[in-house]
N, C-alpha and C. Protein backbone atom coordinates (compact mmCIF):
# COMPACT_ATOMS: atom_id res chain seq x y z
N UNK A 1 -15.78 -23.89 6.23
CA UNK A 1 -14.49 -23.21 6.07
C UNK A 1 -14.37 -22.02 7.03
N UNK A 2 -15.47 -21.24 7.09
CA UNK A 2 -15.46 -20.08 7.97
C UNK A 2 -15.36 -20.49 9.43
N UNK A 3 -15.94 -21.66 9.75
CA UNK A 3 -15.94 -22.13 11.13
C UNK A 3 -14.52 -22.33 11.66
N UNK A 4 -13.61 -22.76 10.79
CA UNK A 4 -12.22 -22.96 11.22
C UNK A 4 -11.60 -21.63 11.65
N UNK A 5 -11.83 -20.60 10.85
CA UNK A 5 -11.31 -19.27 11.20
C UNK A 5 -11.93 -18.77 12.50
N UNK A 6 -13.25 -18.99 12.64
CA UNK A 6 -13.94 -18.55 13.86
C UNK A 6 -13.39 -19.27 15.08
N UNK A 7 -13.16 -20.60 14.93
CA UNK A 7 -12.64 -21.39 16.05
C UNK A 7 -11.26 -20.92 16.48
N UNK A 8 -10.39 -20.67 15.50
CA UNK A 8 -9.03 -20.21 15.81
C UNK A 8 -9.07 -18.82 16.44
N UNK A 9 -9.91 -17.95 15.88
CA UNK A 9 -10.03 -16.59 16.42
C UNK A 9 -10.54 -16.61 17.86
N UNK A 10 -11.52 -17.47 18.14
CA UNK A 10 -12.04 -17.58 19.50
C UNK A 10 -11.00 -18.16 20.45
N UNK A 11 -10.27 -19.17 19.96
CA UNK A 11 -9.25 -19.81 20.80
C UNK A 11 -8.18 -18.82 21.24
N UNK A 12 -7.88 -17.85 20.37
CA UNK A 12 -6.87 -16.84 20.70
C UNK A 12 -7.49 -15.63 21.38
N UNK A 13 -8.65 -15.21 20.88
CA UNK A 13 -9.27 -13.98 21.38
C UNK A 13 -9.87 -14.09 22.76
N UNK A 14 -10.50 -15.23 23.07
CA UNK A 14 -11.15 -15.38 24.38
C UNK A 14 -10.16 -15.28 25.54
N UNK A 15 -9.00 -15.97 25.49
CA UNK A 15 -8.04 -15.81 26.60
C UNK A 15 -7.55 -14.37 26.76
N UNK A 16 -7.37 -13.67 25.64
CA UNK A 16 -6.93 -12.27 25.73
C UNK A 16 -8.01 -11.41 26.37
N UNK A 17 -9.26 -11.62 25.93
CA UNK A 17 -10.38 -10.85 26.49
C UNK A 17 -10.57 -11.16 27.97
N UNK A 18 -10.46 -12.44 28.33
CA UNK A 18 -10.62 -12.83 29.73
C UNK A 18 -9.53 -12.23 30.60
N UNK A 19 -8.31 -12.21 30.08
CA UNK A 19 -7.20 -11.61 30.83
C UNK A 19 -7.41 -10.11 31.01
N UNK A 20 -8.01 -9.47 30.01
CA UNK A 20 -8.26 -8.03 30.10
C UNK A 20 -9.27 -7.69 31.19
N UNK A 21 -10.08 -8.67 31.57
CA UNK A 21 -11.09 -8.46 32.62
C UNK A 21 -10.60 -8.88 34.00
N UNK A 22 -9.34 -9.32 34.09
CA UNK A 22 -8.81 -9.79 35.36
C UNK A 22 -8.72 -8.65 36.38
N UNK A 23 -9.18 -8.89 37.60
CA UNK A 23 -9.07 -7.85 38.65
C UNK A 23 -7.62 -7.58 39.06
N UNK A 24 -6.72 -8.50 38.72
CA UNK A 24 -5.31 -8.31 39.08
C UNK A 24 -4.68 -7.12 38.34
N UNK A 25 -5.28 -6.73 37.23
CA UNK A 25 -4.71 -5.62 36.45
C UNK A 25 -4.76 -4.29 37.19
N UNK A 26 -5.67 -4.20 38.15
CA UNK A 26 -5.83 -2.93 38.89
C UNK A 26 -4.57 -2.58 39.67
N UNK A 27 -3.77 -3.57 40.02
CA UNK A 27 -2.58 -3.32 40.84
C UNK A 27 -1.29 -3.44 40.02
N UNK A 28 -1.42 -3.52 38.71
CA UNK A 28 -0.24 -3.69 37.86
C UNK A 28 0.19 -2.37 37.22
N UNK A 29 1.49 -2.23 37.02
CA UNK A 29 2.04 -1.11 36.28
C UNK A 29 1.69 -1.26 34.79
N UNK A 30 1.42 -0.17 34.06
CA UNK A 30 1.07 -0.27 32.64
C UNK A 30 2.09 -1.03 31.80
N UNK A 31 3.36 -0.81 32.05
CA UNK A 31 4.39 -1.52 31.30
C UNK A 31 4.37 -3.00 31.62
N UNK A 32 4.11 -3.34 32.87
CA UNK A 32 4.01 -4.74 33.28
C UNK A 32 2.82 -5.40 32.59
N UNK A 33 1.72 -4.66 32.49
CA UNK A 33 0.53 -5.18 31.81
C UNK A 33 0.83 -5.43 30.33
N UNK A 34 1.52 -4.47 29.70
CA UNK A 34 1.90 -4.63 28.29
C UNK A 34 2.76 -5.87 28.10
N UNK A 35 3.73 -6.06 28.99
CA UNK A 35 4.61 -7.22 28.91
C UNK A 35 3.82 -8.51 29.06
N UNK A 36 2.88 -8.51 30.00
CA UNK A 36 2.07 -9.70 30.22
C UNK A 36 1.22 -10.05 29.02
N UNK A 37 0.58 -9.04 28.43
CA UNK A 37 -0.27 -9.29 27.26
C UNK A 37 0.55 -9.67 26.03
N UNK A 38 1.78 -9.19 25.96
CA UNK A 38 2.66 -9.62 24.88
C UNK A 38 2.93 -11.12 24.98
N UNK A 39 3.06 -11.61 26.20
CA UNK A 39 3.23 -13.05 26.40
C UNK A 39 2.00 -13.83 25.99
N UNK A 40 0.82 -13.29 26.28
CA UNK A 40 -0.43 -13.96 25.89
C UNK A 40 -0.56 -13.98 24.37
N UNK A 41 -0.23 -12.86 23.73
CA UNK A 41 -0.26 -12.79 22.28
C UNK A 41 0.71 -13.80 21.66
N UNK A 42 1.89 -13.92 22.26
CA UNK A 42 2.88 -14.88 21.76
C UNK A 42 2.33 -16.30 21.80
N UNK A 43 1.64 -16.64 22.88
CA UNK A 43 1.05 -17.97 22.98
C UNK A 43 -0.02 -18.16 21.92
N UNK A 44 -0.79 -17.11 21.66
CA UNK A 44 -1.81 -17.19 20.63
C UNK A 44 -1.22 -17.36 19.24
N UNK A 45 -0.12 -16.66 18.97
CA UNK A 45 0.54 -16.77 17.67
C UNK A 45 1.03 -18.20 17.44
N UNK A 46 1.42 -18.88 18.52
CA UNK A 46 1.89 -20.25 18.40
C UNK A 46 0.82 -21.20 17.88
N UNK A 47 -0.44 -20.83 18.04
CA UNK A 47 -1.51 -21.66 17.46
C UNK A 47 -1.55 -21.48 15.95
N UNK A 48 -1.26 -20.27 15.47
CA UNK A 48 -1.29 -20.01 14.04
C UNK A 48 -0.13 -20.68 13.30
N UNK A 49 1.03 -20.79 13.95
CA UNK A 49 2.22 -21.29 13.27
C UNK A 49 2.03 -22.69 12.66
N UNK A 50 1.61 -23.68 13.43
CA UNK A 50 1.45 -25.01 12.84
C UNK A 50 0.30 -25.10 11.84
N UNK A 51 -0.81 -24.41 12.10
CA UNK A 51 -1.94 -24.52 11.17
C UNK A 51 -1.62 -23.84 9.84
N UNK A 52 -0.75 -22.83 9.86
CA UNK A 52 -0.32 -22.20 8.62
C UNK A 52 0.58 -23.12 7.82
N UNK A 53 1.54 -23.74 8.49
CA UNK A 53 2.45 -24.67 7.81
C UNK A 53 1.70 -25.87 7.26
N UNK A 54 0.71 -26.35 8.02
CA UNK A 54 -0.07 -27.50 7.58
C UNK A 54 -1.10 -27.18 6.52
N UNK A 55 -1.33 -25.89 6.24
CA UNK A 55 -2.32 -25.51 5.24
C UNK A 55 -3.74 -25.77 5.69
N UNK A 56 -3.97 -25.71 7.00
CA UNK A 56 -5.30 -26.03 7.53
C UNK A 56 -6.27 -24.86 7.49
N UNK A 57 -5.76 -23.64 7.33
CA UNK A 57 -6.63 -22.46 7.32
C UNK A 57 -7.15 -22.20 5.91
N UNK A 58 -8.46 -22.15 5.72
CA UNK A 58 -9.03 -21.88 4.40
C UNK A 58 -8.55 -20.55 3.84
N UNK A 59 -8.18 -20.55 2.57
CA UNK A 59 -7.71 -19.33 1.94
C UNK A 59 -6.21 -19.12 2.07
N UNK A 60 -5.55 -19.94 2.87
CA UNK A 60 -4.10 -19.81 3.05
C UNK A 60 -3.41 -21.16 2.86
N UNK A 61 -3.56 -21.77 1.70
CA UNK A 61 -2.96 -23.08 1.48
C UNK A 61 -1.49 -22.97 1.07
N UNK A 62 -0.77 -24.06 1.22
CA UNK A 62 0.57 -24.22 0.68
C UNK A 62 1.51 -23.05 0.84
N UNK A 63 1.94 -22.52 -0.32
CA UNK A 63 2.97 -21.48 -0.33
C UNK A 63 2.51 -20.20 0.37
N UNK A 64 1.23 -19.84 0.21
CA UNK A 64 0.72 -18.63 0.86
C UNK A 64 0.80 -18.78 2.38
N UNK A 65 0.38 -19.95 2.86
CA UNK A 65 0.43 -20.21 4.29
C UNK A 65 1.84 -20.14 4.84
N UNK A 66 2.81 -20.62 4.06
CA UNK A 66 4.20 -20.58 4.51
C UNK A 66 4.73 -19.15 4.56
N UNK A 67 4.30 -18.31 3.62
CA UNK A 67 4.72 -16.91 3.66
C UNK A 67 4.13 -16.19 4.87
N UNK A 68 2.87 -16.46 5.15
CA UNK A 68 2.24 -15.85 6.33
C UNK A 68 2.91 -16.38 7.60
N UNK A 69 3.34 -17.65 7.55
CA UNK A 69 4.05 -18.27 8.67
C UNK A 69 5.32 -17.47 9.01
N UNK A 70 6.00 -16.96 8.00
CA UNK A 70 7.19 -16.14 8.23
C UNK A 70 6.82 -14.84 8.93
N UNK A 71 5.71 -14.23 8.50
CA UNK A 71 5.26 -12.98 9.11
C UNK A 71 4.85 -13.20 10.56
N UNK A 72 4.08 -14.25 10.81
CA UNK A 72 3.65 -14.52 12.18
C UNK A 72 4.83 -14.94 13.05
N UNK A 73 5.83 -15.56 12.42
CA UNK A 73 7.04 -15.89 13.17
C UNK A 73 7.75 -14.63 13.64
N UNK A 74 7.82 -13.63 12.77
CA UNK A 74 8.41 -12.35 13.16
C UNK A 74 7.58 -11.68 14.25
N UNK A 75 6.26 -11.83 14.14
CA UNK A 75 5.37 -11.29 15.18
C UNK A 75 5.63 -11.96 16.52
N UNK A 76 5.86 -13.27 16.47
CA UNK A 76 6.16 -14.02 17.69
C UNK A 76 7.44 -13.52 18.34
N UNK A 77 8.47 -13.31 17.54
CA UNK A 77 9.74 -12.80 18.07
C UNK A 77 9.53 -11.42 18.70
N UNK A 78 8.79 -10.55 18.02
CA UNK A 78 8.53 -9.21 18.55
C UNK A 78 7.77 -9.27 19.86
N UNK A 79 6.78 -10.16 19.93
CA UNK A 79 5.99 -10.29 21.16
C UNK A 79 6.85 -10.76 22.32
N UNK A 80 7.76 -11.70 22.04
CA UNK A 80 8.65 -12.20 23.09
C UNK A 80 9.61 -11.11 23.55
N UNK A 81 10.12 -10.32 22.62
CA UNK A 81 11.02 -9.22 22.98
C UNK A 81 10.30 -8.21 23.88
N UNK A 82 9.06 -7.88 23.52
CA UNK A 82 8.27 -6.95 24.35
C UNK A 82 7.99 -7.56 25.72
N UNK A 83 7.65 -8.85 25.73
CA UNK A 83 7.36 -9.55 26.97
C UNK A 83 8.56 -9.53 27.91
N UNK A 84 9.70 -9.95 27.39
CA UNK A 84 10.91 -10.02 28.21
C UNK A 84 11.43 -8.62 28.54
N UNK A 85 11.41 -7.73 27.55
CA UNK A 85 11.90 -6.37 27.78
C UNK A 85 11.08 -5.62 28.82
N UNK A 86 9.76 -5.77 28.74
CA UNK A 86 8.90 -5.11 29.72
C UNK A 86 9.12 -5.63 31.13
N UNK A 87 9.26 -6.94 31.24
CA UNK A 87 9.51 -7.52 32.56
C UNK A 87 10.89 -7.13 33.09
N UNK A 88 11.86 -6.99 32.18
CA UNK A 88 13.20 -6.56 32.59
C UNK A 88 13.16 -5.15 33.17
N UNK A 89 12.43 -4.26 32.51
CA UNK A 89 12.36 -2.87 32.97
C UNK A 89 11.63 -2.77 34.31
N UNK A 90 10.54 -3.53 34.45
CA UNK A 90 9.73 -3.42 35.67
C UNK A 90 10.31 -4.21 36.83
N UNK A 91 11.08 -5.26 36.53
CA UNK A 91 11.62 -6.07 37.63
C UNK A 91 12.94 -6.72 37.22
N UNK A 92 14.02 -5.94 37.13
CA UNK A 92 15.32 -6.48 36.70
C UNK A 92 15.82 -7.66 37.54
N UNK A 93 15.75 -7.61 38.88
CA UNK A 93 16.27 -8.75 39.65
C UNK A 93 15.57 -10.07 39.31
N UNK A 94 14.25 -10.01 39.12
CA UNK A 94 13.51 -11.23 38.78
C UNK A 94 13.95 -11.77 37.42
N UNK A 95 14.18 -10.87 36.47
CA UNK A 95 14.59 -11.31 35.14
C UNK A 95 16.00 -11.87 35.15
N UNK A 96 16.88 -11.27 35.95
CA UNK A 96 18.24 -11.80 36.07
C UNK A 96 18.20 -13.22 36.64
N UNK A 97 17.39 -13.41 37.66
CA UNK A 97 17.23 -14.75 38.24
C UNK A 97 16.69 -15.73 37.20
N UNK A 98 15.72 -15.27 36.41
CA UNK A 98 15.13 -16.15 35.40
C UNK A 98 16.14 -16.53 34.33
N UNK A 99 16.87 -15.54 33.82
CA UNK A 99 17.82 -15.78 32.74
C UNK A 99 19.02 -16.60 33.18
N UNK A 100 19.34 -16.56 34.47
CA UNK A 100 20.46 -17.35 34.99
C UNK A 100 19.98 -18.66 35.62
N UNK A 101 18.70 -18.96 35.45
CA UNK A 101 18.10 -20.20 35.97
C UNK A 101 18.26 -20.35 37.48
N UNK A 102 18.18 -19.22 38.18
CA UNK A 102 18.24 -19.26 39.64
C UNK A 102 16.94 -18.78 40.28
N UNK A 103 15.93 -18.57 39.47
CA UNK A 103 14.64 -18.09 39.99
C UNK A 103 13.94 -19.20 40.77
N UNK A 104 13.32 -18.86 41.91
CA UNK A 104 12.59 -19.87 42.68
C UNK A 104 11.25 -20.24 42.06
N UNK A 105 10.78 -19.46 41.09
CA UNK A 105 9.49 -19.75 40.46
C UNK A 105 9.65 -20.91 39.48
N UNK A 106 8.76 -21.91 39.53
CA UNK A 106 8.92 -23.10 38.68
C UNK A 106 8.69 -22.84 37.20
N UNK A 107 7.97 -21.76 36.85
CA UNK A 107 7.66 -21.52 35.44
C UNK A 107 8.79 -20.83 34.69
N UNK A 108 9.71 -20.19 35.39
CA UNK A 108 10.74 -19.38 34.73
C UNK A 108 11.64 -20.17 33.78
N UNK A 109 12.20 -21.31 34.18
CA UNK A 109 13.11 -22.02 33.28
C UNK A 109 12.47 -22.40 31.95
N UNK A 110 11.21 -22.81 31.98
CA UNK A 110 10.53 -23.21 30.76
C UNK A 110 10.37 -22.03 29.81
N UNK A 111 10.04 -20.86 30.36
CA UNK A 111 9.91 -19.67 29.54
C UNK A 111 11.23 -19.25 28.93
N UNK A 112 12.30 -19.31 29.70
CA UNK A 112 13.61 -18.91 29.21
C UNK A 112 14.09 -19.85 28.11
N UNK A 113 13.91 -21.15 28.31
CA UNK A 113 14.31 -22.12 27.28
C UNK A 113 13.53 -21.89 26.00
N UNK A 114 12.22 -21.68 26.12
CA UNK A 114 11.40 -21.41 24.94
C UNK A 114 11.84 -20.13 24.25
N UNK A 115 12.20 -19.11 25.03
CA UNK A 115 12.65 -17.85 24.46
C UNK A 115 13.90 -18.03 23.62
N UNK A 116 14.89 -18.73 24.16
CA UNK A 116 16.13 -18.93 23.40
C UNK A 116 15.90 -19.78 22.17
N UNK A 117 14.98 -20.73 22.26
CA UNK A 117 14.65 -21.55 21.09
C UNK A 117 13.99 -20.70 20.00
N UNK A 118 13.13 -19.77 20.40
CA UNK A 118 12.49 -18.85 19.44
C UNK A 118 13.55 -17.99 18.75
N UNK A 119 14.47 -17.45 19.53
CA UNK A 119 15.54 -16.63 18.95
C UNK A 119 16.43 -17.47 18.03
N UNK A 120 16.67 -18.72 18.40
CA UNK A 120 17.50 -19.60 17.58
C UNK A 120 16.85 -19.86 16.22
N UNK A 121 15.55 -20.11 16.22
CA UNK A 121 14.83 -20.32 14.96
C UNK A 121 14.90 -19.06 14.10
N UNK A 122 14.71 -17.91 14.73
CA UNK A 122 14.74 -16.64 13.99
C UNK A 122 16.10 -16.42 13.33
N UNK A 123 17.17 -16.69 14.07
CA UNK A 123 18.53 -16.52 13.54
C UNK A 123 18.79 -17.49 12.40
N UNK A 124 18.40 -18.75 12.58
CA UNK A 124 18.60 -19.75 11.52
C UNK A 124 17.79 -19.41 10.28
N UNK A 125 16.56 -18.94 10.48
CA UNK A 125 15.71 -18.57 9.34
C UNK A 125 16.31 -17.39 8.56
N UNK A 126 16.88 -16.45 9.29
CA UNK A 126 17.44 -15.25 8.64
C UNK A 126 18.76 -15.52 7.93
N UNK A 127 19.55 -16.46 8.46
CA UNK A 127 20.90 -16.66 7.94
C UNK A 127 21.14 -18.06 7.40
N UNK A 128 20.09 -18.83 7.17
CA UNK A 128 20.32 -20.22 6.77
C UNK A 128 21.03 -20.34 5.42
N UNK A 129 20.80 -19.41 4.51
CA UNK A 129 21.52 -19.47 3.23
C UNK A 129 22.99 -19.14 3.41
N UNK A 130 23.27 -18.12 4.22
CA UNK A 130 24.67 -17.77 4.48
C UNK A 130 25.38 -18.88 5.24
N UNK A 131 24.63 -19.56 6.11
CA UNK A 131 25.22 -20.67 6.87
C UNK A 131 25.36 -21.93 6.03
N UNK A 132 24.74 -21.92 4.85
CA UNK A 132 24.82 -23.08 3.97
C UNK A 132 24.04 -24.28 4.46
N UNK A 133 22.96 -24.03 5.19
CA UNK A 133 22.15 -25.13 5.70
C UNK A 133 21.36 -25.78 4.57
N UNK A 134 21.47 -27.08 4.45
CA UNK A 134 20.67 -27.80 3.47
C UNK A 134 19.21 -27.80 3.92
N UNK A 135 18.27 -27.89 2.99
CA UNK A 135 16.85 -27.90 3.36
C UNK A 135 16.51 -28.95 4.41
N UNK A 136 17.09 -30.12 4.26
CA UNK A 136 16.80 -31.20 5.21
C UNK A 136 17.31 -30.84 6.61
N UNK A 137 18.51 -30.26 6.68
CA UNK A 137 19.07 -29.86 7.98
C UNK A 137 18.23 -28.75 8.61
N UNK A 138 17.83 -27.79 7.79
CA UNK A 138 17.01 -26.68 8.28
C UNK A 138 15.67 -27.18 8.82
N UNK A 139 15.02 -28.08 8.08
CA UNK A 139 13.73 -28.59 8.52
C UNK A 139 13.85 -29.37 9.82
N UNK A 140 14.92 -30.16 9.93
CA UNK A 140 15.12 -30.93 11.17
C UNK A 140 15.33 -29.99 12.35
N UNK A 141 16.19 -28.99 12.17
CA UNK A 141 16.46 -28.04 13.26
C UNK A 141 15.21 -27.25 13.62
N UNK A 142 14.47 -26.83 12.60
CA UNK A 142 13.25 -26.05 12.82
C UNK A 142 12.23 -26.85 13.62
N UNK A 143 12.03 -28.10 13.23
CA UNK A 143 11.03 -28.92 13.92
C UNK A 143 11.46 -29.23 15.35
N UNK A 144 12.74 -29.52 15.53
CA UNK A 144 13.23 -29.81 16.88
C UNK A 144 13.06 -28.59 17.78
N UNK A 145 13.43 -27.43 17.28
CA UNK A 145 13.28 -26.21 18.07
C UNK A 145 11.82 -25.85 18.28
N UNK A 146 10.97 -26.15 17.29
CA UNK A 146 9.54 -25.88 17.43
C UNK A 146 8.95 -26.69 18.58
N UNK A 147 9.38 -27.93 18.71
CA UNK A 147 8.91 -28.77 19.82
C UNK A 147 9.33 -28.16 21.15
N UNK A 148 10.58 -27.72 21.23
CA UNK A 148 11.08 -27.09 22.46
C UNK A 148 10.27 -25.83 22.77
N UNK A 149 10.01 -25.03 21.74
CA UNK A 149 9.25 -23.79 21.92
C UNK A 149 7.85 -24.06 22.44
N UNK A 150 7.16 -24.98 21.80
CA UNK A 150 5.76 -25.26 22.17
C UNK A 150 5.67 -25.85 23.57
N UNK A 151 6.47 -26.87 23.83
CA UNK A 151 6.42 -27.52 25.15
C UNK A 151 6.82 -26.54 26.24
N UNK A 152 7.91 -25.83 26.03
CA UNK A 152 8.36 -24.86 27.04
C UNK A 152 7.35 -23.76 27.28
N UNK A 153 6.77 -23.24 26.21
CA UNK A 153 5.80 -22.14 26.35
C UNK A 153 4.52 -22.60 27.03
N UNK A 154 4.04 -23.78 26.66
CA UNK A 154 2.80 -24.30 27.26
C UNK A 154 2.99 -24.55 28.75
N UNK A 155 4.09 -25.20 29.12
CA UNK A 155 4.34 -25.46 30.54
C UNK A 155 4.52 -24.14 31.28
N UNK A 156 5.24 -23.21 30.68
CA UNK A 156 5.45 -21.88 31.27
C UNK A 156 4.11 -21.20 31.53
N UNK A 157 3.24 -21.22 30.53
CA UNK A 157 1.95 -20.56 30.66
C UNK A 157 1.04 -21.21 31.68
N UNK A 158 1.03 -22.54 31.71
CA UNK A 158 0.15 -23.25 32.64
C UNK A 158 0.57 -23.02 34.09
N UNK A 159 1.88 -23.00 34.33
CA UNK A 159 2.37 -22.86 35.70
C UNK A 159 2.19 -21.45 36.27
N UNK A 160 2.08 -20.46 35.38
CA UNK A 160 1.91 -19.09 35.87
C UNK A 160 0.48 -18.88 36.35
N UNK A 161 0.35 -18.35 37.55
CA UNK A 161 -0.96 -17.98 38.08
C UNK A 161 -1.07 -16.46 38.03
N UNK A 162 -1.57 -15.97 36.91
CA UNK A 162 -1.63 -14.53 36.71
C UNK A 162 -2.97 -14.07 36.20
N UNK A 163 -2.94 -13.18 35.21
CA UNK A 163 -4.17 -12.56 34.73
C UNK A 163 -4.98 -13.48 33.81
N UNK A 164 -4.36 -14.48 33.22
CA UNK A 164 -5.09 -15.36 32.31
C UNK A 164 -6.10 -16.22 33.06
N UNK A 165 -7.30 -16.31 32.50
CA UNK A 165 -8.35 -17.17 33.06
C UNK A 165 -7.98 -18.62 32.78
N UNK A 166 -8.12 -19.49 33.78
CA UNK A 166 -7.56 -20.83 33.71
C UNK A 166 -8.16 -21.69 32.60
N UNK A 167 -9.48 -21.72 32.46
CA UNK A 167 -10.11 -22.61 31.48
C UNK A 167 -9.71 -22.24 30.06
N UNK A 168 -9.82 -20.96 29.72
CA UNK A 168 -9.46 -20.53 28.37
C UNK A 168 -7.97 -20.69 28.12
N UNK A 169 -7.16 -20.52 29.16
CA UNK A 169 -5.72 -20.72 29.02
C UNK A 169 -5.40 -22.17 28.73
N UNK A 170 -6.01 -23.07 29.48
CA UNK A 170 -5.77 -24.50 29.26
C UNK A 170 -6.26 -24.92 27.89
N UNK A 171 -7.39 -24.37 27.44
CA UNK A 171 -7.92 -24.71 26.12
C UNK A 171 -6.95 -24.26 25.03
N UNK A 172 -6.43 -23.05 25.16
CA UNK A 172 -5.47 -22.55 24.17
C UNK A 172 -4.20 -23.38 24.17
N UNK A 173 -3.69 -23.71 25.34
CA UNK A 173 -2.48 -24.54 25.43
C UNK A 173 -2.71 -25.91 24.81
N UNK A 174 -3.87 -26.50 25.06
CA UNK A 174 -4.19 -27.81 24.50
C UNK A 174 -4.26 -27.75 22.98
N UNK A 175 -4.84 -26.68 22.45
CA UNK A 175 -4.94 -26.53 21.00
C UNK A 175 -3.58 -26.31 20.36
N UNK A 176 -2.72 -25.56 21.03
CA UNK A 176 -1.36 -25.36 20.51
C UNK A 176 -0.62 -26.69 20.44
N UNK A 177 -0.72 -27.48 21.49
CA UNK A 177 -0.09 -28.80 21.49
C UNK A 177 -0.68 -29.70 20.41
N UNK A 178 -2.01 -29.74 20.33
CA UNK A 178 -2.68 -30.61 19.36
C UNK A 178 -2.33 -30.22 17.93
N UNK A 179 -2.33 -28.92 17.65
CA UNK A 179 -2.00 -28.47 16.30
C UNK A 179 -0.56 -28.80 15.93
N UNK A 180 0.34 -28.68 16.90
CA UNK A 180 1.74 -29.00 16.65
C UNK A 180 1.93 -30.48 16.37
N UNK A 181 1.31 -31.32 17.18
CA UNK A 181 1.39 -32.77 16.98
C UNK A 181 0.79 -33.14 15.63
N UNK A 182 -0.34 -32.53 15.29
CA UNK A 182 -1.03 -32.81 14.03
C UNK A 182 -0.15 -32.50 12.84
N UNK A 183 0.44 -31.31 12.81
CA UNK A 183 1.24 -30.93 11.66
C UNK A 183 2.53 -31.74 11.59
N UNK A 184 3.12 -32.07 12.74
CA UNK A 184 4.32 -32.91 12.74
C UNK A 184 4.00 -34.29 12.15
N UNK A 185 2.88 -34.86 12.55
CA UNK A 185 2.47 -36.17 12.05
C UNK A 185 2.18 -36.11 10.56
N UNK A 186 1.48 -35.07 10.12
CA UNK A 186 1.15 -34.93 8.70
C UNK A 186 2.39 -34.75 7.85
N UNK A 187 3.34 -33.95 8.31
CA UNK A 187 4.57 -33.74 7.56
C UNK A 187 5.39 -35.03 7.48
N UNK A 188 5.39 -35.79 8.57
CA UNK A 188 6.11 -37.07 8.57
C UNK A 188 5.48 -38.02 7.56
N UNK A 189 4.14 -38.08 7.55
CA UNK A 189 3.45 -38.96 6.61
C UNK A 189 3.68 -38.51 5.17
N UNK A 190 3.68 -37.20 4.96
CA UNK A 190 3.91 -36.68 3.61
C UNK A 190 5.30 -37.06 3.11
N UNK A 191 6.30 -36.91 3.96
CA UNK A 191 7.66 -37.26 3.56
C UNK A 191 7.79 -38.76 3.33
N UNK A 192 7.12 -39.55 4.15
CA UNK A 192 7.19 -41.01 3.97
C UNK A 192 6.56 -41.42 2.65
N UNK A 193 5.41 -40.84 2.33
CA UNK A 193 4.75 -41.16 1.07
C UNK A 193 5.59 -40.71 -0.12
N UNK A 194 6.25 -39.56 0.04
CA UNK A 194 7.10 -39.05 -1.04
C UNK A 194 8.27 -40.00 -1.29
N UNK A 195 8.86 -40.51 -0.21
CA UNK A 195 9.97 -41.46 -0.36
C UNK A 195 9.50 -42.75 -1.02
N UNK A 196 8.34 -43.25 -0.60
CA UNK A 196 7.80 -44.47 -1.20
C UNK A 196 7.47 -44.27 -2.67
N UNK A 197 6.94 -43.08 -3.00
CA UNK A 197 6.61 -42.78 -4.39
C UNK A 197 7.87 -42.71 -5.24
N UNK A 198 8.94 -42.12 -4.67
CA UNK A 198 10.20 -42.03 -5.40
C UNK A 198 10.78 -43.42 -5.65
N UNK A 199 10.69 -44.28 -4.63
CA UNK A 199 11.20 -45.65 -4.79
C UNK A 199 10.41 -46.39 -5.85
N UNK A 200 9.10 -46.19 -5.85
CA UNK A 200 8.24 -46.85 -6.83
C UNK A 200 8.58 -46.38 -8.24
N UNK A 201 8.81 -45.07 -8.39
CA UNK A 201 9.15 -44.51 -9.70
C UNK A 201 10.49 -45.04 -10.19
N UNK A 202 11.47 -45.15 -9.26
CA UNK A 202 12.79 -45.68 -9.63
C UNK A 202 12.68 -47.13 -10.04
N UNK A 203 11.90 -47.91 -9.28
CA UNK A 203 11.71 -49.32 -9.61
C UNK A 203 11.03 -49.51 -10.94
N UNK A 204 10.05 -48.67 -11.23
CA UNK A 204 9.31 -48.78 -12.49
C UNK A 204 10.19 -48.41 -13.68
N UNK A 205 11.04 -47.40 -13.50
CA UNK A 205 11.90 -46.95 -14.60
C UNK A 205 13.02 -47.94 -14.89
N UNK A 206 13.44 -48.70 -13.87
CA UNK A 206 14.53 -49.66 -14.07
C UNK A 206 14.03 -51.02 -14.52
N UNK A 207 12.71 -51.22 -14.47
CA UNK A 207 12.14 -52.53 -14.85
C UNK A 207 12.19 -52.72 -16.36
């Protein structure tokens, strides 16, 4: 049980530690460094999101895991705001190009799409009752946006050649993808079994 926590902590902590040792930091502005590390933290938080929903972390099953998922989701939004805000302050022209999808850098569009998807999930989560979203509609929208967030963020991170060490970055990205696919598959199987169980119960009661 402890090994799972250790593995997740290493998967997130090693890339952050490796980035902190990057020689590129010597030529970076402090605010730019903060923005960059906020992006790394955001990628790390994305590993926690699916494993919390899936109940894979010992000590955080079911409802507890979902509550922590809300907290880490807010942390993800905050990290993205710091990441984008810091880059905006240090390099406004580059951020304008990125937000208008006119940047020559190949990683920018993926990051911007992931950012808007993160904000969309946050808004839906905060106002879904006022919007009258049914649970099924909310879950569908959440999962669809989660796929956009994960794919966009992973591609964004891989394409950037910056302070992150390549091997640990690729390992973290692979784990984020694997965890997302795992929880999506498990939730699909759970819903399928629930539907089959309901049909069986209805058939038995009508017999």
